[in-house]
Amino acid sequence: MVRILRDFLKDESAAAAIEYVILATGIAVVIITAVLPANSSRACRTCGRPMRFVTAIAKFGRHPELRTYECGQCKETSIEEWKPRENGVVGPFD
């Protein structure tokens, strides 16, 4: 087994493949990290499970955008105000 691993590591095409996998993994982590905060789900206040995004009501005049979430387990509904945060990430008021 050690010989097979040593031969694999000596093969330059294998090293290139490993480098590509590491590079692709790094890119995937960056994309997931960038996208996740925008799509984070809210936790249900009743049962604690993730809530499903239902709809958004667009900002009108000085009124903020409203987002509606629903819990699939207990059917609890939550409506929250949304506006851009200082760091550029959009999220609900806490």
N, C-alpha and C. Protein backbone atom coordinates (compact mmCIF):
# COMPACT_ATOMS: atom_id res chain seq x y z
N MET A 1 0.83 -1.19 0.00
CA MET A 1 0.00 0.00 0.00
C MET A 1 0.88 1.26 0.00
N VAL A 2 1.95 1.24 0.79
CA VAL A 2 2.85 2.38 0.86
C VAL A 2 3.52 2.60 -0.49
N ARG A 3 3.89 1.50 -1.17
CA ARG A 3 4.52 1.61 -2.48
C ARG A 3 3.58 2.26 -3.49
N ILE A 4 2.34 1.87 -3.47
CA ILE A 4 1.35 2.44 -4.39
C ILE A 4 1.19 3.94 -4.13
N LEU A 5 1.12 4.33 -2.86
CA LEU A 5 0.99 5.75 -2.52
C LEU A 5 2.24 6.52 -2.95
N ARG A 6 3.43 5.95 -2.73
CA ARG A 6 4.68 6.60 -3.11
C ARG A 6 4.75 6.78 -4.63
N ASP A 7 4.35 5.73 -5.38
CA ASP A 7 4.35 5.82 -6.85
C ASP A 7 3.36 6.88 -7.33
N PHE A 8 2.22 6.94 -6.65
CA PHE A 8 1.20 7.93 -7.03
C PHE A 8 1.74 9.35 -6.82
N LEU A 9 2.44 9.56 -5.70
CA LEU A 9 2.97 10.89 -5.41
C LEU A 9 4.13 11.28 -6.32
N LYS A 10 4.89 10.28 -6.82
CA LYS A 10 6.00 10.56 -7.73
C LYS A 10 5.51 10.94 -9.12
N ASP A 11 4.34 10.45 -9.50
CA ASP A 11 3.79 10.71 -10.82
C ASP A 11 3.38 12.18 -10.90
N GLU A 12 3.97 12.94 -11.82
CA GLU A 12 3.69 14.38 -11.91
C GLU A 12 2.27 14.67 -12.36
N SER A 13 1.67 13.80 -13.15
CA SER A 13 0.29 14.04 -13.56
C SER A 13 -0.65 13.91 -12.35
N ALA A 14 -0.29 13.02 -11.43
CA ALA A 14 -1.08 12.89 -10.21
C ALA A 14 -0.94 14.15 -9.35
N ALA A 15 0.27 14.68 -9.30
CA ALA A 15 0.49 15.92 -8.53
C ALA A 15 -0.32 17.07 -9.11
N ALA A 16 -0.35 17.15 -10.44
CA ALA A 16 -1.14 18.20 -11.09
C ALA A 16 -2.63 18.02 -10.78
N ALA A 17 -3.08 16.76 -10.79
CA ALA A 17 -4.50 16.50 -10.48
C ALA A 17 -4.82 16.91 -9.06
N ILE A 18 -3.91 16.62 -8.14
CA ILE A 18 -4.13 17.01 -6.75
C ILE A 18 -4.17 18.53 -6.62
N GLU A 19 -3.29 19.22 -7.32
CA GLU A 19 -3.29 20.68 -7.29
C GLU A 19 -4.61 21.25 -7.82
N TYR A 20 -5.13 20.66 -8.89
CA TYR A 20 -6.40 21.13 -9.44
C TYR A 20 -7.55 20.89 -8.46
N VAL A 21 -7.52 19.76 -7.76
CA VAL A 21 -8.57 19.47 -6.78
C VAL A 21 -8.51 20.49 -5.63
N ILE A 22 -7.29 20.79 -5.17
CA ILE A 22 -7.14 21.76 -4.10
C ILE A 22 -7.60 23.14 -4.56
N LEU A 23 -7.26 23.52 -5.78
CA LEU A 23 -7.68 24.80 -6.32
C LEU A 23 -9.21 24.87 -6.45
N ALA A 24 -9.81 23.80 -6.97
CA ALA A 24 -11.27 23.78 -7.12
C ALA A 24 -11.96 23.83 -5.76
N THR A 25 -11.40 23.15 -4.78
CA THR A 25 -11.97 23.18 -3.43
C THR A 25 -11.91 24.58 -2.85
N GLY A 26 -10.79 25.26 -3.05
CA GLY A 26 -10.66 26.63 -2.56
C GLY A 26 -11.66 27.56 -3.19
N ILE A 27 -11.85 27.43 -4.50
CA ILE A 27 -12.83 28.26 -5.20
C ILE A 27 -14.24 27.97 -4.69
N ALA A 28 -14.56 26.69 -4.48
CA ALA A 28 -15.89 26.31 -3.97
C ALA A 28 -16.14 26.90 -2.59
N VAL A 29 -15.13 26.87 -1.73
CA VAL A 29 -15.28 27.43 -0.39
C VAL A 29 -15.55 28.93 -0.46
N VAL A 30 -14.84 29.63 -1.33
CA VAL A 30 -15.05 31.07 -1.48
C VAL A 30 -16.46 31.36 -1.98
N ILE A 31 -16.92 30.61 -2.96
CA ILE A 31 -18.27 30.83 -3.51
C ILE A 31 -19.33 30.54 -2.45
N ILE A 32 -19.19 29.44 -1.75
CA ILE A 32 -20.18 29.08 -0.72
C ILE A 32 -20.19 30.12 0.39
N THR A 33 -19.02 30.58 0.79
CA THR A 33 -18.95 31.60 1.84
C THR A 33 -19.59 32.90 1.39
N ALA A 34 -19.43 33.26 0.14
CA ALA A 34 -20.00 34.51 -0.37
C ALA A 34 -21.51 34.42 -0.53
N VAL A 35 -22.02 33.27 -0.92
CA VAL A 35 -23.44 33.11 -1.21
C VAL A 35 -24.25 32.79 0.04
N LEU A 36 -23.70 32.07 0.96
CA LEU A 36 -24.44 31.60 2.11
C LEU A 36 -25.10 32.69 2.94
N PRO A 37 -24.43 33.79 3.29
CA PRO A 37 -25.11 34.81 4.09
C PRO A 37 -26.35 35.39 3.41
N ALA A 38 -26.36 35.50 2.10
CA ALA A 38 -27.51 36.06 1.40
C ALA A 38 -28.69 35.11 1.40
N ASN A 39 -28.43 33.82 1.50
CA ASN A 39 -29.50 32.84 1.44
C ASN A 39 -29.76 32.14 2.77
N SER A 40 -29.24 32.69 3.86
CA SER A 40 -29.39 32.01 5.13
C SER A 40 -30.86 31.96 5.52
N SER A 41 -31.29 30.83 6.05
CA SER A 41 -32.69 30.69 6.43
C SER A 41 -32.85 31.07 7.89
N ARG A 42 -34.01 31.49 8.23
CA ARG A 42 -34.34 31.89 9.59
C ARG A 42 -34.75 30.65 10.37
N ALA A 43 -34.51 30.65 11.66
CA ALA A 43 -34.94 29.55 12.51
C ALA A 43 -36.33 29.85 13.05
N CYS A 44 -37.17 28.84 13.09
CA CYS A 44 -38.53 28.99 13.61
C CYS A 44 -38.46 29.28 15.11
N ARG A 45 -39.23 30.26 15.56
CA ARG A 45 -39.22 30.61 16.98
C ARG A 45 -39.97 29.58 17.82
N THR A 46 -40.83 28.78 17.18
CA THR A 46 -41.61 27.79 17.91
C THR A 46 -40.86 26.47 18.05
N CYS A 47 -40.38 25.92 16.92
CA CYS A 47 -39.76 24.59 16.96
C CYS A 47 -38.25 24.61 16.68
N GLY A 48 -37.69 25.74 16.22
CA GLY A 48 -36.26 25.85 15.99
C GLY A 48 -35.76 25.33 14.65
N ARG A 49 -36.65 24.78 13.84
CA ARG A 49 -36.24 24.27 12.52
C ARG A 49 -36.08 25.42 11.53
N PRO A 50 -35.32 25.19 10.44
CA PRO A 50 -35.17 26.26 9.43
C PRO A 50 -36.50 26.60 8.77
N MET A 51 -36.71 27.88 8.56
CA MET A 51 -37.93 28.34 7.90
C MET A 51 -37.68 28.52 6.41
N ARG A 52 -38.71 28.35 5.61
CA ARG A 52 -38.64 28.46 4.16
C ARG A 52 -39.02 29.88 3.75
N PHE A 53 -38.21 30.48 2.85
CA PHE A 53 -38.54 31.80 2.32
C PHE A 53 -39.78 31.66 1.44
N VAL A 54 -40.78 32.50 1.67
CA VAL A 54 -42.04 32.42 0.91
C VAL A 54 -42.13 33.54 -0.12
N THR A 55 -42.03 34.79 0.32
CA THR A 55 -42.21 35.90 -0.60
C THR A 55 -41.53 37.17 -0.06
N ALA A 56 -41.34 38.12 -0.96
CA ALA A 56 -40.79 39.42 -0.58
C ALA A 56 -41.71 40.50 -1.12
N ILE A 57 -41.92 41.53 -0.32
CA ILE A 57 -42.69 42.70 -0.75
C ILE A 57 -41.67 43.82 -0.91
N ALA A 58 -41.58 44.36 -2.11
CA ALA A 58 -40.55 45.35 -2.44
C ALA A 58 -40.66 46.60 -1.59
N LYS A 59 -39.54 47.25 -1.41
CA LYS A 59 -39.47 48.51 -0.69
C LYS A 59 -40.33 49.53 -1.42
N PHE A 60 -41.09 50.32 -0.66
CA PHE A 60 -41.95 51.34 -1.26
C PHE A 60 -41.77 52.63 -0.49
N GLY A 61 -41.23 53.64 -1.17
CA GLY A 61 -40.99 54.92 -0.51
C GLY A 61 -40.03 54.76 0.65
N ARG A 62 -40.47 55.19 1.82
CA ARG A 62 -39.61 55.06 2.99
C ARG A 62 -39.84 53.76 3.74
N HIS A 63 -40.76 52.93 3.28
CA HIS A 63 -41.05 51.66 3.93
C HIS A 63 -40.04 50.60 3.48
N PRO A 64 -39.53 49.79 4.41
CA PRO A 64 -38.52 48.79 4.05
C PRO A 64 -39.11 47.59 3.32
N GLU A 65 -38.23 46.82 2.70
CA GLU A 65 -38.66 45.56 2.07
C GLU A 65 -39.08 44.59 3.17
N LEU A 66 -40.14 43.84 2.92
CA LEU A 66 -40.62 42.84 3.87
C LEU A 66 -40.42 41.45 3.28
N ARG A 67 -39.98 40.50 4.10
CA ARG A 67 -39.79 39.12 3.68
C ARG A 67 -40.61 38.21 4.57
N THR A 68 -41.27 37.23 3.94
CA THR A 68 -42.11 36.29 4.67
C THR A 68 -41.46 34.91 4.66
N TYR A 69 -41.42 34.28 5.84
CA TYR A 69 -40.89 32.93 6.00
C TYR A 69 -41.96 32.05 6.62
N GLU A 70 -41.91 30.74 6.31
CA GLU A 70 -42.87 29.80 6.87
C GLU A 70 -42.15 28.54 7.32
N CYS A 71 -42.55 28.02 8.48
CA CYS A 71 -42.00 26.76 8.98
C CYS A 71 -42.84 25.62 8.42
N GLY A 72 -42.20 24.68 7.75
CA GLY A 72 -42.92 23.54 7.18
C GLY A 72 -43.44 22.58 8.23
N GLN A 73 -42.81 22.55 9.40
CA GLN A 73 -43.19 21.62 10.46
C GLN A 73 -44.41 22.11 11.23
N CYS A 74 -44.35 23.32 11.77
CA CYS A 74 -45.44 23.80 12.64
C CYS A 74 -46.29 24.89 11.98
N LYS A 75 -45.98 25.25 10.72
CA LYS A 75 -46.74 26.24 9.95
C LYS A 75 -46.70 27.64 10.55
N GLU A 76 -45.71 27.93 11.38
CA GLU A 76 -45.50 29.27 11.93
C GLU A 76 -45.06 30.20 10.79
N THR A 77 -45.55 31.42 10.76
CA THR A 77 -45.18 32.39 9.73
C THR A 77 -44.48 33.57 10.38
N SER A 78 -43.43 34.07 9.71
CA SER A 78 -42.68 35.20 10.23
C SER A 78 -42.51 36.23 9.11
N ILE A 79 -42.77 37.50 9.42
CA ILE A 79 -42.57 38.59 8.47
C ILE A 79 -41.51 39.51 9.06
N GLU A 80 -40.46 39.78 8.27
CA GLU A 80 -39.36 40.60 8.77
C GLU A 80 -39.01 41.71 7.80
N GLU A 81 -38.53 42.83 8.33
CA GLU A 81 -38.04 43.94 7.51
C GLU A 81 -36.62 43.63 7.06
N TRP A 82 -36.31 43.98 5.81
CA TRP A 82 -34.95 43.80 5.28
C TRP A 82 -34.43 45.11 4.74
N LYS A 83 -33.15 45.37 4.95
CA LYS A 83 -32.49 46.52 4.35
C LYS A 83 -30.99 46.21 4.26
N PRO A 84 -30.24 46.90 3.39
CA PRO A 84 -28.80 46.64 3.30
C PRO A 84 -28.10 46.99 4.61
N ARG A 85 -27.17 46.13 5.00
CA ARG A 85 -26.37 46.41 6.18
C ARG A 85 -25.18 47.26 5.79
N GLU A 86 -24.47 47.76 6.79
CA GLU A 86 -23.32 48.63 6.54
C GLU A 86 -22.22 47.95 5.74
N ASN A 87 -22.03 46.62 5.95
CA ASN A 87 -20.97 45.90 5.28
C ASN A 87 -21.36 45.46 3.87
N GLY A 88 -22.55 45.85 3.40
CA GLY A 88 -22.98 45.51 2.05
C GLY A 88 -23.80 44.24 1.98
N VAL A 89 -23.81 43.44 3.03
CA VAL A 89 -24.59 42.21 3.04
C VAL A 89 -26.02 42.56 3.39
N VAL A 90 -26.97 41.96 2.68
CA VAL A 90 -28.37 42.23 2.94
C VAL A 90 -28.87 41.22 3.95
N GLY A 91 -29.61 41.69 4.95
CA GLY A 91 -30.12 40.76 5.94
C GLY A 91 -31.25 41.36 6.76
N PRO A 92 -31.87 40.55 7.59
CA PRO A 92 -33.01 41.03 8.40
C PRO A 92 -32.52 41.84 9.59
N PHE A 93 -33.41 42.64 10.13
CA PHE A 93 -33.12 43.34 11.36
C PHE A 93 -33.10 42.32 12.47
N ASP A 94 -32.17 42.42 13.38
CA ASP A 94 -32.14 41.50 14.53
C ASP A 94 -32.54 42.21 15.79
